[in-house]
Amino acid sequence: MMAKGVSRMLSLRRVLEGVGEGSGISRAIVRELGKGDRVGQGVARMLLLGNSIEGSLRSLSEDGSEEESMLASLIVAAPSSSAPMVGRTGGALATTLQRWAEAKESRALEQKVLRFRSLVTSGILGAVTAMVATLGPLVGSLSSALGAPSGPGALVYGAAAMTAIGSGTLGAYTSGRKFYANVAVALAAFGIVFLAASPLAAVTVTGPWGVK
């Protein structure tokens, strides 16, 4: 599905191409922008109501993206110069700007996908680390039976700290200052899994030689 910004730039490019081929500026604007999104339809409606080209395109030249503003300014300047020449030159420029906008949209989409994957990875990290922290006391109980001390509390805190550090590092790599979202997701998953699996920590493990 084409993004609204890229679709609008395509309409502006067609307007310039139409002007370059000798079509009237107002007619090209109504024909191309009128069948676009709500912003384009608003521009066409204002033009049909008798507003000037400059006034009708103000919403694009002032509130649109830099690419849209540049193309709208070319269309506004066309009546005061050689419209066909402006249309042909602007059409070539619009093609370049459209490709640039498409590349930006693609990069933004890739960044969103990477961001989502990093959040999923942080959640998995928290869940797996919590499970390991839950099973730790079982191993600790066996070690105690063999004469070694166990410390499940320290294990839980250490696992939570490792989860926060690991997810924060991943978040800083994928989203910069918004790394805290990764930390929050990881710790939430850690807490949920640990609380759900914590009854396992109450299991008493008998030593290998049985009860004396």
Protein backbone atom coordinates (compact mmCIF):
# COMPACT_ATOMS: atom_id res chain seq x y z
CA MET A 1 0.00 0.00 0.00
CA MET A 2 1.42 3.40 -1.00
CA ALA A 3 1.95 5.88 1.82
CA LYS A 4 -0.14 9.05 1.73
CA GLY A 5 2.89 11.31 1.35
CA VAL A 6 4.27 9.36 -1.60
CA SER A 7 0.82 9.15 -3.21
CA ARG A 8 0.39 12.93 -2.91
CA MET A 9 3.80 13.52 -4.45
CA LEU A 10 2.82 11.27 -7.34
CA SER A 11 -0.26 13.43 -7.89
CA LEU A 12 1.86 16.61 -7.82
CA ARG A 13 4.25 15.05 -10.31
CA ARG A 14 1.36 14.28 -12.65
CA VAL A 15 0.18 17.88 -12.30
CA LEU A 16 3.59 19.16 -13.38
CA GLU A 17 3.78 16.65 -16.22
CA GLY A 18 0.34 17.73 -17.38
CA VAL A 19 1.39 21.39 -17.30
CA GLY A 20 4.52 20.49 -19.26
CA GLU A 21 2.34 18.88 -21.93
CA GLY A 22 0.26 22.06 -22.27
CA SER A 23 -2.61 21.31 -19.93
CA GLY A 24 -4.04 24.18 -17.88
CA ILE A 25 -2.64 24.44 -14.37
CA SER A 26 -6.00 24.61 -12.61
CA ARG A 27 -7.38 21.81 -14.72
CA ALA A 28 -4.38 19.58 -13.98
CA ILE A 29 -4.63 20.28 -10.23
CA VAL A 30 -8.34 19.45 -10.09
CA ARG A 31 -7.90 16.35 -12.22
CA GLU A 32 -4.97 14.85 -10.32
CA LEU A 33 -5.32 16.06 -6.74
CA GLY A 34 -9.11 15.78 -6.78
CA LYS A 35 -8.91 11.99 -6.94
CA GLY A 36 -6.29 11.74 -4.21
CA ASP A 37 -6.53 11.82 -0.43
CA ARG A 38 -8.46 14.29 1.72
CA VAL A 39 -5.77 16.96 1.52
CA GLY A 40 -5.64 16.79 -2.26
CA GLN A 41 -9.40 16.85 -2.51
CA GLY A 42 -9.44 19.93 -0.30
CA VAL A 43 -7.01 21.69 -2.65
CA ALA A 44 -9.16 20.84 -5.66
CA ARG A 45 -12.32 21.97 -3.87
CA MET A 46 -10.81 25.34 -2.95
CA LEU A 47 -9.73 25.87 -6.55
CA LEU A 48 -13.20 25.05 -7.85
CA LEU A 49 -14.67 27.55 -5.39
CA GLY A 50 -12.68 30.34 -7.02
CA ASN A 51 -9.59 30.54 -4.83
CA SER A 52 -6.25 31.31 -6.41
CA ILE A 53 -3.73 28.60 -7.16
CA GLU A 54 -1.42 29.94 -4.48
CA GLY A 55 -4.17 30.03 -1.87
CA SER A 56 -5.43 26.58 -2.78
CA LEU A 57 -1.97 25.01 -2.53
CA ARG A 58 -1.04 26.79 0.70
CA SER A 59 -1.87 23.72 2.78
CA LEU A 60 0.75 21.76 0.85
CA SER A 61 3.39 24.49 0.55
CA GLU A 62 3.24 25.36 4.28
CA ASP A 63 2.12 22.21 6.09
CA GLY A 64 3.30 19.46 3.76
CA SER A 65 6.67 17.72 3.70
CA GLU A 66 9.72 19.45 2.27
CA GLU A 67 9.30 17.57 -1.00
CA GLU A 68 5.61 18.45 -1.28
CA SER A 69 6.32 22.09 -0.44
CA MET A 70 8.96 22.29 -3.17
CA LEU A 71 6.67 20.84 -5.82
CA ALA A 72 3.73 23.00 -4.73
CA SER A 73 5.98 26.09 -4.98
CA LEU A 74 6.89 25.13 -8.56
CA ILE A 75 3.21 24.84 -9.48
CA VAL A 76 2.47 28.23 -7.89
CA ALA A 77 5.37 29.83 -9.81
CA ALA A 78 4.31 28.32 -13.15
CA PRO A 79 1.72 31.01 -14.15
CA SER A 80 4.28 33.81 -13.77
CA SER A 81 6.86 32.11 -16.01
CA SER A 82 6.93 29.62 -18.84
CA ALA A 83 4.43 27.06 -17.58
CA PRO A 84 5.40 24.27 -20.04
CA MET A 85 9.09 24.64 -19.19
CA VAL A 86 8.36 24.70 -15.45
CA GLY A 87 6.15 21.66 -15.90
CA ARG A 88 8.79 19.66 -17.75
CA THR A 89 11.58 20.63 -15.35
CA GLY A 90 9.37 20.12 -12.33
CA GLY A 91 8.23 16.72 -13.60
CA ALA A 92 11.82 15.48 -13.73
CA LEU A 93 12.50 16.92 -10.28
CA ALA A 94 9.30 15.38 -8.94
CA THR A 95 10.41 11.94 -10.14
CA THR A 96 13.67 12.29 -8.21
CA LEU A 97 11.92 13.57 -5.08
CA GLN A 98 9.34 10.79 -5.27
CA ARG A 99 12.08 8.15 -5.34
CA TRP A 100 13.72 9.86 -2.39
CA ALA A 101 10.44 9.87 -0.47
CA GLU A 102 9.86 6.19 -1.27
CA ALA A 103 13.35 5.38 0.03
CA LYS A 104 12.62 7.26 3.26
CA GLU A 105 9.31 5.44 3.68
CA SER A 106 11.08 2.12 3.14
CA ARG A 107 13.74 2.96 5.72
CA ALA A 108 11.09 4.04 8.21
CA LEU A 109 9.21 0.77 7.71
CA GLU A 110 12.40 -1.26 8.15
CA GLN A 111 13.12 0.66 11.35
CA LYS A 112 9.65 -0.14 12.71
CA VAL A 113 10.10 -3.84 11.92
CA LEU A 114 13.53 -3.84 13.60
CA ARG A 115 12.05 -2.05 16.60
CA PHE A 116 9.23 -4.59 16.90
CA ARG A 117 11.65 -7.51 16.65
CA SER A 118 13.85 -6.01 19.35
CA LEU A 119 10.85 -5.75 21.68
CA VAL A 120 9.94 -9.38 21.01
CA THR A 121 13.56 -10.40 21.64
CA SER A 122 13.59 -8.46 24.91
CA GLY A 123 10.42 -10.22 26.02
CA ILE A 124 11.90 -13.64 25.20
CA LEU A 125 15.10 -12.70 27.05
CA GLY A 126 13.12 -11.78 30.14
CA ALA A 127 11.05 -14.97 30.02
CA VAL A 128 14.01 -17.29 29.52
CA THR A 129 16.09 -15.58 32.21
CA ALA A 130 13.18 -15.80 34.65
CA MET A 131 12.81 -19.49 33.97
CA VAL A 132 16.50 -20.04 34.64
CA ALA A 133 16.24 -18.02 37.84
CA THR A 134 13.26 -20.15 38.91
CA LEU A 135 15.03 -23.44 38.29
CA GLY A 136 18.14 -22.16 40.07
CA PRO A 137 16.82 -22.85 43.58
CA LEU A 138 16.18 -26.47 42.59
CA VAL A 139 19.80 -26.86 41.63
CA GLY A 140 20.74 -24.93 44.75
CA SER A 141 18.73 -27.34 46.91
CA LEU A 142 20.60 -30.25 45.39
CA SER A 143 23.88 -28.46 46.02
CA SER A 144 22.88 -27.85 49.65
CA ALA A 145 22.16 -31.53 50.04
CA LEU A 146 25.69 -32.18 48.88
CA GLY A 147 27.07 -29.67 51.36
CA ALA A 148 27.26 -26.51 49.21
CA PRO A 149 25.39 -23.32 50.20
CA SER A 150 22.58 -22.03 48.01
CA GLY A 151 21.48 -18.44 47.42
CA PRO A 152 18.27 -18.25 45.34
CA GLY A 153 17.57 -14.66 46.31
CA ALA A 154 20.86 -13.39 44.91
CA LEU A 155 20.25 -15.46 41.78
CA VAL A 156 16.89 -13.76 41.14
CA TYR A 157 18.28 -10.27 41.59
CA GLY A 158 21.29 -11.04 39.45
CA ALA A 159 19.11 -12.48 36.68
CA ALA A 160 16.85 -9.41 36.75
CA ALA A 161 19.87 -7.12 36.53
CA MET A 162 21.28 -9.09 33.58
CA THR A 163 17.88 -8.91 31.87
CA ALA A 164 17.71 -5.14 32.30
CA ILE A 165 21.25 -4.62 31.03
CA GLY A 166 20.86 -6.93 28.03
CA SER A 167 17.50 -5.54 26.93
CA GLY A 168 18.68 -1.97 27.49
CA THR A 169 21.71 -2.54 25.29
CA LEU A 170 19.54 -4.03 22.54
CA GLY A 171 17.07 -1.15 22.83
CA ALA A 172 19.84 1.46 22.64
CA TYR A 173 21.08 -0.17 19.43
CA THR A 174 17.69 -0.35 17.72
CA SER A 175 15.91 2.78 18.98
CA GLY A 176 18.41 5.04 20.74
CA ARG A 177 16.91 6.97 23.64
CA LYS A 178 13.75 4.84 23.68
CA PHE A 179 15.69 1.86 25.06
CA TYR A 180 13.59 2.02 28.23
CA ALA A 181 10.70 0.35 26.37
CA ASN A 182 12.87 -2.74 25.82
CA VAL A 183 13.83 -2.76 29.49
CA ALA A 184 10.17 -2.46 30.53
CA VAL A 185 9.06 -5.31 28.24
CA ALA A 186 11.92 -7.56 29.37
CA LEU A 187 11.33 -6.95 33.10
CA ALA A 188 7.57 -7.39 32.67
CA ALA A 189 8.10 -10.76 30.98
CA PHE A 190 10.64 -11.65 33.66
CA GLY A 191 8.18 -10.85 36.45
CA ILE A 192 5.24 -12.69 34.87
CA VAL A 193 7.20 -15.87 34.14
CA PHE A 194 8.96 -15.84 37.49
CA LEU A 195 5.70 -15.47 39.44
CA ALA A 196 4.03 -18.17 37.35
CA ALA A 197 6.90 -20.62 37.79
CA SER A 198 7.94 -19.70 41.35
CA PRO A 199 6.08 -22.66 42.94
CA LEU A 200 8.79 -24.85 41.43
CA ALA A 201 11.26 -23.21 43.79
CA ALA A 202 9.40 -24.68 46.77
CA VAL A 203 10.09 -28.24 45.65
CA THR A 204 12.38 -30.02 48.10
CA VAL A 205 15.15 -32.01 46.48
CA THR A 206 16.37 -35.07 48.41
CA GLY A 207 20.07 -35.76 48.46
CA PRO A 208 21.47 -38.59 46.36
CA TRP A 209 21.82 -40.87 49.42
CA GLY A 210 18.24 -40.36 50.59
CA VAL A 211 17.00 -39.15 53.97
CA LYS A 212 19.00 -40.30 56.96
